[in-house]
Amino acid sequence: MTMTPQKLVERLRLQGGRYIALHLRYEKDMLSFTGCTYGLTEAESEELRIMRENTNHWKVKKINSTEQRVGGFCPLTPKEMGIFLESLGYPPITTIYIASGEIYGGEARLSELKSRFPNIISKEALATAEELEPFANHGSQTAALDYIISIESNVFVPSHSGNMARAVEGHRRFLGHRRTINPDRKGLVELFDKLESGKLKLGSSFSRLVQEMHKNRQGAPRKRYGPLPGIKGRARLRTEESFYENPFPECICRSKKAF
């Protein structure tokens, strides 16, 4: 019998009921493309640089990793995502589905998330090797599995903005503004750096800062952001929020109860 995304959702529900779909974009190609090397070894950073240099259709070759991170342009690390979700108040027993490809650094790096949320589940844990075999070497089909599982989740959290994250958010809005938490990466990096320097400590005060920062970033109904004033032509379109990310109000004709 053919394995379907709905079957994986059913298996997830049987294991934990409600679940978070975490779009953890901590993959080799994403880190190389964005030039983000925070927390990596020198060897890993060099590996990513070489990959970027050798990928012809990636036009930007020299990237300042520190500037990228401070500007909020880097995917949050597994450790940072663990601190983030914990600060939002999610308990350690929370079921988290990892909607992504292979995590760069493998299990060692993912353990930084598992130390806070041990109930981490991947598609490989939900399906047998035989069930997943038809999807092997077909990245778009594998991504489609993650897309549907993310759509059906109780909460969707992307660690980085991208085409899939924006499409999932828009789809979830269309289905009734299901909860989608968009991390303020720039703001969070400031907090994480203060943690690292000892200016802040984990605890209730830190959690309040994170929660206040994200009280309006959880998928509540709002009109799509228009283009920035004073900009004309094609550049105007690039400053407008994508219709696929937020189809409200044009394609949402009646209020629906959010999850």
C-alpha atoms as a PDB file:
ATOM      1  CA  MET A   1       0.000   0.000   0.000  1.00  0.00           C
ATOM      2  CA  THR A   2       1.298   3.466  -0.929  1.00  0.00           C
ATOM      3  CA  MET A   3       2.469   5.662   1.900  1.00  0.00           C
ATOM      4  CA  THR A   4       0.779   9.073   1.983  1.00  0.00           C
ATOM      5  CA  PRO A   5       1.393  12.261   3.997  1.00  0.00           C
ATOM      6  CA  GLN A   6      -1.970  11.715   5.701  1.00  0.00           C
ATOM      7  CA  LYS A   7      -0.714   8.382   7.043  1.00  0.00           C
ATOM      8  CA  LEU A   8       2.300  10.088   8.536  1.00  0.00           C
ATOM      9  CA  VAL A   9       0.051  12.689  10.159  1.00  0.00           C
ATOM     10  CA  GLU A  10      -2.082   9.889  11.624  1.00  0.00           C
ATOM     11  CA  ARG A  11       1.013   8.199  13.043  1.00  0.00           C
ATOM     12  CA  LEU A  12       2.162  11.495  14.529  1.00  0.00           C
ATOM     13  CA  ARG A  13      -1.215  12.003  16.169  1.00  0.00           C
ATOM     14  CA  LEU A  14      -1.105   8.494  17.620  1.00  0.00           C
ATOM     15  CA  GLN A  15       2.285   9.170  19.176  1.00  0.00           C
ATOM     16  CA  GLY A  16       1.601  12.513  20.757  1.00  0.00           C
ATOM     17  CA  GLY A  17      -1.722  14.001  19.712  1.00  0.00           C
ATOM     18  CA  ARG A  18      -0.844  17.626  19.109  1.00  0.00           C
ATOM     19  CA  TYR A  19       2.499  18.464  17.506  1.00  0.00           C
ATOM     20  CA  ILE A  20       4.682  21.317  16.334  1.00  0.00           C
ATOM     21  CA  ALA A  21       6.081  21.189  12.803  1.00  0.00           C
ATOM     22  CA  LEU A  22       9.535  22.765  12.944  1.00  0.00           C
ATOM     23  CA  HIS A  23      10.919  23.804   9.565  1.00  0.00           C
ATOM     24  CA  LEU A  24      14.535  23.562  10.661  1.00  0.00           C
ATOM     25  CA  ARG A  25      16.508  25.012   7.761  1.00  0.00           C
ATOM     26  CA  TYR A  26      19.848  24.024   9.232  1.00  0.00           C
ATOM     27  CA  GLU A  27      20.930  22.189   6.119  1.00  0.00           C
ATOM     28  CA  LYS A  28      24.268  22.290   4.327  1.00  0.00           C
ATOM     29  CA  ASP A  29      23.050  24.059   1.204  1.00  0.00           C
ATOM     30  CA  MET A  30      21.103  26.694   3.159  1.00  0.00           C
ATOM     31  CA  LEU A  31      24.038  27.492   5.440  1.00  0.00           C
ATOM     32  CA  SER A  32      26.389  27.679   2.465  1.00  0.00           C
ATOM     33  CA  PHE A  33      24.049  29.872   0.414  1.00  0.00           C
ATOM     34  CA  THR A  34      23.438  32.329   3.273  1.00  0.00           C
ATOM     35  CA  GLY A  35      27.047  32.287   4.427  1.00  0.00           C
ATOM     36  CA  CYS A  36      26.036  31.498   7.997  1.00  0.00           C
ATOM     37  CA  THR A  37      28.778  29.815  10.011  1.00  0.00           C
ATOM     38  CA  TYR A  38      27.967  30.772  13.612  1.00  0.00           C
ATOM     39  CA  GLY A  39      28.775  27.884  15.938  1.00  0.00           C
ATOM     40  CA  LEU A  40      30.537  25.857  13.249  1.00  0.00           C
ATOM     41  CA  THR A  41      34.112  24.610  13.264  1.00  0.00           C
ATOM     42  CA  GLU A  42      36.734  26.108  10.939  1.00  0.00           C
ATOM     43  CA  ALA A  43      36.620  22.954   8.836  1.00  0.00           C
ATOM     44  CA  GLU A  44      32.826  23.147   8.497  1.00  0.00           C
ATOM     45  CA  SER A  45      32.968  26.846   7.615  1.00  0.00           C
ATOM     46  CA  GLU A  46      35.567  26.152   4.947  1.00  0.00           C
ATOM     47  CA  GLU A  47      33.488  23.309   3.537  1.00  0.00           C
ATOM     48  CA  LEU A  48      30.525  25.657   3.168  1.00  0.00           C
ATOM     49  CA  ARG A  49      32.681  28.358   1.558  1.00  0.00           C
ATOM     50  CA  ILE A  50      34.009  25.907  -1.030  1.00  0.00           C
ATOM     51  CA  MET A  51      30.484  24.708  -1.786  1.00  0.00           C
ATOM     52  CA  ARG A  52      29.357  28.306  -2.351  1.00  0.00           C
ATOM     53  CA  GLU A  53      32.356  29.044  -4.579  1.00  0.00           C
ATOM     54  CA  ASN A  54      31.642  25.968  -6.694  1.00  0.00           C
ATOM     55  CA  THR A  55      27.911  26.582  -7.128  1.00  0.00           C
ATOM     56  CA  ASN A  56      27.778  28.681 -10.291  1.00  0.00           C
ATOM     57  CA  HIS A  57      24.179  29.907  -9.998  1.00  0.00           C
ATOM     58  CA  TRP A  58      24.825  31.378  -6.534  1.00  0.00           C
ATOM     59  CA  LYS A  59      25.995  34.863  -7.493  1.00  0.00           C
ATOM     60  CA  VAL A  60      27.177  36.126  -4.089  1.00  0.00           C
ATOM     61  CA  LYS A  61      30.429  34.445  -3.084  1.00  0.00           C
ATOM     62  CA  LYS A  62      31.919  36.597  -0.325  1.00  0.00           C
ATOM     63  CA  ILE A  63      29.607  36.867   2.695  1.00  0.00           C
ATOM     64  CA  ASN A  64      30.271  38.277   6.144  1.00  0.00           C
ATOM     65  CA  SER A  65      28.779  35.655   8.441  1.00  0.00           C
ATOM     66  CA  THR A  66      28.633  37.946  11.461  1.00  0.00           C
ATOM     67  CA  GLU A  67      26.750  40.644   9.547  1.00  0.00           C
ATOM     68  CA  GLN A  68      24.340  38.043   8.208  1.00  0.00           C
ATOM     69  CA  ARG A  69      23.548  36.747  11.680  1.00  0.00           C
ATOM     70  CA  VAL A  70      23.232  40.163  13.353  1.00  0.00           C
ATOM     71  CA  GLY A  71      20.948  41.275  10.531  1.00  0.00           C
ATOM     72  CA  GLY A  72      18.620  38.322  11.118  1.00  0.00           C
ATOM     73  CA  PHE A  73      19.379  36.655   7.794  1.00  0.00           C
ATOM     74  CA  CYS A  74      20.658  33.330   9.176  1.00  0.00           C
ATOM     75  CA  PRO A  75      18.624  30.245  10.064  1.00  0.00           C
ATOM     76  CA  LEU A  76      18.394  29.813  13.802  1.00  0.00           C
ATOM     77  CA  THR A  77      20.474  26.898  15.063  1.00  0.00           C
ATOM     78  CA  PRO A  78      18.920  23.801  16.659  1.00  0.00           C
ATOM     79  CA  LYS A  79      20.126  25.034  20.051  1.00  0.00           C
ATOM     80  CA  GLU A  80      18.613  28.475  19.484  1.00  0.00           C
ATOM     81  CA  MET A  81      15.306  26.948  18.386  1.00  0.00           C
ATOM     82  CA  GLY A  82      15.237  24.879  21.565  1.00  0.00           C
ATOM     83  CA  ILE A  83      15.761  27.945  23.741  1.00  0.00           C
ATOM     84  CA  PHE A  84      13.155  29.837  21.714  1.00  0.00           C
ATOM     85  CA  LEU A  85      10.408  27.216  22.045  1.00  0.00           C
ATOM     86  CA  GLU A  86      11.207  26.660  25.709  1.00  0.00           C
ATOM     87  CA  SER A  87      10.961  30.423  26.335  1.00  0.00           C
ATOM     88  CA  LEU A  88       7.563  30.516  24.633  1.00  0.00           C
ATOM     89  CA  GLY A  89       6.350  28.093  27.280  1.00  0.00           C
ATOM     90  CA  TYR A  90       6.272  24.769  25.435  1.00  0.00           C
ATOM     91  CA  PRO A  91       6.974  21.888  27.861  1.00  0.00           C
ATOM     92  CA  PRO A  92       9.695  19.277  27.294  1.00  0.00           C
ATOM     93  CA  ILE A  93       7.070  16.621  26.445  1.00  0.00           C
ATOM     94  CA  THR A  94       6.018  18.570  23.326  1.00  0.00           C
ATOM     95  CA  THR A  95       6.081  16.481  20.158  1.00  0.00           C
ATOM     96  CA  ILE A  96       8.136  18.200  17.450  1.00  0.00           C
ATOM     97  CA  TYR A  97       8.211  17.018  13.855  1.00  0.00           C
ATOM     98  CA  ILE A  98      11.374  18.060  11.997  1.00  0.00           C
ATOM     99  CA  ALA A  99      10.282  19.253   8.560  1.00  0.00           C
ATOM    100  CA  SER A 100      13.618  19.491   6.791  1.00  0.00           C
ATOM    101  CA  GLY A 101      16.355  17.612   5.035  1.00  0.00           C
ATOM    102  CA  GLU A 102      19.547  16.346   6.650  1.00  0.00           C
ATOM    103  CA  ILE A 103      20.682  18.591   9.502  1.00  0.00           C
ATOM    104  CA  TYR A 104      24.232  19.844   9.034  1.00  0.00           C
ATOM    105  CA  GLY A 105      26.356  18.277  11.743  1.00  0.00           C
ATOM    106  CA  GLY A 106      23.937  15.385  12.103  1.00  0.00           C
ATOM    107  CA  GLU A 107      22.770  13.983  15.383  1.00  0.00           C
ATOM    108  CA  ALA A 108      25.422  15.844  17.377  1.00  0.00           C
ATOM    109  CA  ARG A 109      23.967  19.192  16.388  1.00  0.00           C
ATOM    110  CA  LEU A 110      20.359  18.054  16.647  1.00  0.00           C
ATOM    111  CA  SER A 111      21.074  16.896  20.200  1.00  0.00           C
ATOM    112  CA  GLU A 112      21.253  20.571  21.189  1.00  0.00           C
ATOM    113  CA  LEU A 113      17.513  20.718  20.471  1.00  0.00           C
ATOM    114  CA  LYS A 114      16.763  17.242  21.833  1.00  0.00           C
ATOM    115  CA  SER A 115      18.278  18.128  25.196  1.00  0.00           C
ATOM    116  CA  ARG A 116      15.274  20.415  25.732  1.00  0.00           C
ATOM    117  CA  PHE A 117      12.686  18.563  23.661  1.00  0.00           C
ATOM    118  CA  PRO A 118      13.470  14.836  23.562  1.00  0.00           C
ATOM    119  CA  ASN A 119      10.284  13.945  21.680  1.00  0.00           C
ATOM    120  CA  ILE A 120      11.751  14.850  18.283  1.00  0.00           C
ATOM    121  CA  ILE A 121      10.324  12.932  15.326  1.00  0.00           C
ATOM    122  CA  SER A 122      11.477  12.788  11.718  1.00  0.00           C
ATOM    123  CA  LYS A 123       9.861  11.274   8.665  1.00  0.00           C
ATOM    124  CA  GLU A 124      12.434   8.474   8.896  1.00  0.00           C
ATOM    125  CA  ALA A 125      11.045   7.598  12.335  1.00  0.00           C
ATOM    126  CA  LEU A 126       7.440   7.644  11.116  1.00  0.00           C
ATOM    127  CA  ALA A 127       7.865   5.553   7.990  1.00  0.00           C
ATOM    128  CA  THR A 128       9.820   2.462   7.065  1.00  0.00           C
ATOM    129  CA  ALA A 129      12.724   2.560   4.643  1.00  0.00           C
ATOM    130  CA  GLU A 130      10.539   0.720   2.133  1.00  0.00           C
ATOM    131  CA  GLU A 131       7.784   3.329   2.438  1.00  0.00           C
ATOM    132  CA  LEU A 132      10.238   6.173   1.900  1.00  0.00           C
ATOM    133  CA  GLU A 133      12.139   4.480  -0.917  1.00  0.00           C
ATOM    134  CA  PRO A 134       9.917   5.939  -3.711  1.00  0.00           C
ATOM    135  CA  PHE A 135      10.781   9.415  -2.431  1.00  0.00           C
ATOM    136  CA  ALA A 136      14.542   8.831  -2.439  1.00  0.00           C
ATOM    137  CA  ASN A 137      16.450  11.172  -4.760  1.00  0.00           C
ATOM    138  CA  HIS A 138      13.292  13.217  -5.324  1.00  0.00           C
ATOM    139  CA  GLY A 139      13.771  16.332  -3.223  1.00  0.00           C
ATOM    140  CA  SER A 140      10.569  18.023  -4.304  1.00  0.00           C
ATOM    141  CA  GLN A 141       8.463  14.993  -3.354  1.00  0.00           C
ATOM    142  CA  THR A 142      10.153  14.742   0.029  1.00  0.00           C
ATOM    143  CA  ALA A 143       9.535  18.440   0.564  1.00  0.00           C
ATOM    144  CA  ALA A 144       5.883  17.864  -0.324  1.00  0.00           C
ATOM    145  CA  LEU A 145       5.633  15.370   2.554  1.00  0.00           C
ATOM    146  CA  ASP A 146       6.999  17.974   4.945  1.00  0.00           C
ATOM    147  CA  TYR A 147       4.691  20.612   3.468  1.00  0.00           C
ATOM    148  CA  ILE A 148       1.500  18.643   4.100  1.00  0.00           C
ATOM    149  CA  ILE A 149       2.586  17.526   7.565  1.00  0.00           C
ATOM    150  CA  SER A 150       3.352  21.169   8.349  1.00  0.00           C
ATOM    151  CA  ILE A 151      -0.036  22.301   7.074  1.00  0.00           C
ATOM    152  CA  GLU A 152      -1.762  19.808   9.371  1.00  0.00           C
ATOM    153  CA  SER A 153       0.303  20.621  12.475  1.00  0.00           C
ATOM    154  CA  ASN A 154      -1.096  22.402  15.507  1.00  0.00           C
ATOM    155  CA  VAL A 155       1.746  24.908  15.351  1.00  0.00           C
ATOM    156  CA  PHE A 156       4.160  25.667  12.517  1.00  0.00           C
ATOM    157  CA  VAL A 157       7.520  27.293  13.278  1.00  0.00           C
ATOM    158  CA  PRO A 158      10.095  28.081  10.555  1.00  0.00           C
ATOM    159  CA  SER A 159      13.682  28.714  11.614  1.00  0.00           C
ATOM    160  CA  HIS A 160      14.238  30.779   8.461  1.00  0.00           C
ATOM    161  CA  SER A 161      12.038  32.469   5.885  1.00  0.00           C
ATOM    162  CA  GLY A 162      11.936  30.855   2.471  1.00  0.00           C
ATOM    163  CA  ASN A 163       9.568  29.775  -0.274  1.00  0.00           C
ATOM    164  CA  MET A 164       8.220  26.746   1.599  1.00  0.00           C
ATOM    165  CA  ALA A 165       7.871  28.579   4.908  1.00  0.00           C
ATOM    166  CA  ARG A 166       5.970  31.426   3.244  1.00  0.00           C
ATOM    167  CA  ALA A 167       3.723  29.041   1.306  1.00  0.00           C
ATOM    168  CA  VAL A 168       2.923  27.011   4.431  1.00  0.00           C
ATOM    169  CA  GLU A 169       2.109  30.171   6.379  1.00  0.00           C
ATOM    170  CA  GLY A 170      -0.215  31.422   3.644  1.00  0.00           C
ATOM    171  CA  HIS A 171      -1.934  28.039   3.324  1.00  0.00           C
ATOM    172  CA  ARG A 172      -2.461  27.896   7.082  1.00  0.00           C
ATOM    173  CA  ARG A 173      -3.937  31.409   7.040  1.00  0.00           C
ATOM    174  CA  PHE A 174      -6.322  30.324   4.305  1.00  0.00           C
ATOM    175  CA  LEU A 175      -7.402  27.338   6.408  1.00  0.00           C
ATOM    176  CA  GLY A 176      -8.345  29.549   9.323  1.00  0.00           C
ATOM    177  CA  HIS A 177      -5.255  31.384  10.517  1.00  0.00           C
ATOM    178  CA  ARG A 178      -3.755  28.301  12.123  1.00  0.00           C
ATOM    179  CA  ARG A 179      -0.982  29.196  14.509  1.00  0.00           C
ATOM    180  CA  THR A 180       2.277  29.977  12.751  1.00  0.00           C
ATOM    181  CA  ILE A 181       5.040  31.440  14.890  1.00  0.00           C
ATOM    182  CA  ASN A 182       7.574  33.485  12.950  1.00  0.00           C
ATOM    183  CA  PRO A 183      10.747  33.981  14.996  1.00  0.00           C
ATOM    184  CA  ASP A 184      12.104  37.517  15.046  1.00  0.00           C
ATOM    185  CA  ARG A 185      15.579  36.327  14.155  1.00  0.00           C
ATOM    186  CA  LYS A 186      17.241  39.714  14.446  1.00  0.00           C
ATOM    187  CA  GLY A 187      15.724  40.371  17.861  1.00  0.00           C
ATOM    188  CA  LEU A 188      16.440  36.863  19.077  1.00  0.00           C
ATOM    189  CA  VAL A 189      20.097  37.033  18.060  1.00  0.00           C
ATOM    190  CA  GLU A 190      20.462  40.107  20.268  1.00  0.00           C
ATOM    191  CA  LEU A 191      19.014  38.164  23.198  1.00  0.00           C
ATOM    192  CA  PHE A 192      21.084  35.053  22.492  1.00  0.00           C
ATOM    193  CA  ASP A 193      24.280  37.097  22.350  1.00  0.00           C
ATOM    194  CA  LYS A 194      23.424  38.631  25.720  1.00  0.00           C
ATOM    195  CA  LEU A 195      22.908  35.131  27.075  1.00  0.00           C
ATOM    196  CA  GLU A 196      26.308  34.104  25.772  1.00  0.00           C
ATOM    197  CA  SER A 197      28.014  37.169  27.261  1.00  0.00           C
ATOM    198  CA  GLY A 198      26.298  36.710  30.618  1.00  0.00           C
ATOM    199  CA  LYS A 199      24.253  39.916  30.411  1.00  0.00           C
ATOM    200  CA  LEU A 200      21.075  37.813  30.484  1.00  0.00           C
ATOM    201  CA  LYS A 201      20.230  34.476  32.051  1.00  0.00           C
ATOM    202  CA  LEU A 202      17.657  31.863  31.106  1.00  0.00           C
ATOM    203  CA  GLY A 203      14.564  32.048  33.281  1.00  0.00           C
ATOM    204  CA  SER A 204      11.266  33.823  33.651  1.00  0.00           C
ATOM    205  CA  SER A 205      12.664  37.265  32.788  1.00  0.00           C
ATOM    206  CA  PHE A 206      14.228  35.988  29.576  1.00  0.00           C
ATOM    207  CA  SER A 207      11.031  34.140  28.666  1.00  0.00           C
ATOM    208  CA  ARG A 208       8.988  37.310  29.124  1.00  0.00           C
ATOM    209  CA  LEU A 209      11.279  39.154  26.713  1.00  0.00           C
ATOM    210  CA  VAL A 210      10.856  36.432  24.085  1.00  0.00           C
ATOM    211  CA  GLN A 211       7.090  36.218  24.558  1.00  0.00           C
ATOM    212  CA  GLU A 212       6.634  39.978  24.350  1.00  0.00           C
ATOM    213  CA  MET A 213       8.737  40.054  21.179  1.00  0.00           C
ATOM    214  CA  HIS A 214       6.465  37.452  19.560  1.00  0.00           C
ATOM    215  CA  LYS A 215       2.995  38.300  20.798  1.00  0.00           C
ATOM    216  CA  ASN A 216       2.076  39.650  17.335  1.00  0.00           C
ATOM    217  CA  ARG A 217       3.978  37.041  15.310  1.00  0.00           C
ATOM    218  CA  GLN A 218       1.727  33.999  15.725  1.00  0.00           C
ATOM    219  CA  GLY A 219      -0.436  33.997  12.622  1.00  0.00           C
ATOM    220  CA  ALA A 220      -3.333  36.148  13.814  1.00  0.00           C
ATOM    221  CA  PRO A 221      -5.454  37.699  11.023  1.00  0.00           C
ATOM    222  CA  ARG A 222      -3.957  40.835   9.485  1.00  0.00           C
ATOM    223  CA  LYS A 223      -3.997  42.453   6.088  1.00  0.00           C
ATOM    224  CA  ARG A 224      -1.102  41.785   3.767  1.00  0.00           C
ATOM    225  CA  TYR A 225       1.669  44.355   3.950  1.00  0.00           C
ATOM    226  CA  GLY A 226       1.745  46.624   0.907  1.00  0.00           C
ATOM    227  CA  PRO A 227       4.812  47.992  -0.900  1.00  0.00           C
ATOM    228  CA  LEU A 228       7.045  50.553   0.716  1.00  0.00           C
ATOM    229  CA  PRO A 229       6.108  54.135  -0.190  1.00  0.00           C
ATOM    230  CA  GLY A 230       8.134  55.980  -2.793  1.00  0.00           C
ATOM    231  CA  ILE A 231       9.291  52.880  -4.656  1.00  0.00           C
ATOM    232  CA  LYS A 232       8.234  52.320  -8.272  1.00  0.00           C
ATOM    233  CA  GLY A 233       8.521  49.668 -10.950  1.00  0.00           C
ATOM    234  CA  ARG A 234       9.633  46.098 -10.308  1.00  0.00           C
ATOM    235  CA  ALA A 235      11.396  47.088  -7.100  1.00  0.00           C
ATOM    236  CA  ARG A 236       7.985  48.026  -5.713  1.00  0.00           C
ATOM    237  CA  LEU A 237       6.820  44.432  -6.051  1.00  0.00           C
ATOM    238  CA  ARG A 238       9.821  43.118  -4.136  1.00  0.00           C
ATOM    239  CA  THR A 239       8.894  45.188  -1.080  1.00  0.00           C
ATOM    240  CA  GLU A 240       5.305  43.937  -0.982  1.00  0.00           C
ATOM    241  CA  GLU A 241       4.426  40.945   1.170  1.00  0.00           C
ATOM    242  CA  SER A 242       3.871  37.861  -0.945  1.00  0.00           C
ATOM    243  CA  PHE A 243       0.270  36.920  -1.672  1.00  0.00           C
ATOM    244  CA  TYR A 244       1.242  33.291  -1.059  1.00  0.00           C
ATOM    245  CA  GLU A 245       2.474  34.220   2.416  1.00  0.00           C
ATOM    246  CA  ASN A 246      -0.688  36.114   3.361  1.00  0.00           C
ATOM    247  CA  PRO A 247      -3.795  35.872   1.138  1.00  0.00           C
ATOM    248  CA  PHE A 248      -5.826  38.020   3.550  1.00  0.00           C
ATOM    249  CA  PRO A 249      -8.195  39.665   2.804  1.00  0.00           C
ATOM    250  CA  GLU A 250      -8.705  38.780  -0.890  1.00  0.00           C
ATOM    251  CA  CYS A 251      -8.950  34.999  -0.554  1.00  0.00           C
ATOM    252  CA  ILE A 252     -10.382  34.644   2.931  1.00  0.00           C
ATOM    253  CA  CYS A 253     -14.087  35.336   2.730  1.00  0.00           C
ATOM    254  CA  ARG A 254     -15.261  34.424   6.190  1.00  0.00           C
ATOM    255  CA  SER A 255     -13.744  34.197   9.613  1.00  0.00           C
ATOM    256  CA  LYS A 256     -12.665  30.765  10.711  1.00  0.00           C
ATOM    257  CA  LYS A 257     -11.642  29.640  14.144  1.00  0.00           C
ATOM    258  CA  ALA A 258      -7.867  29.593  14.517  1.00  0.00           C
ATOM    259  CA  PHE A 259      -6.166  26.627  16.134  1.00  0.00           C
END
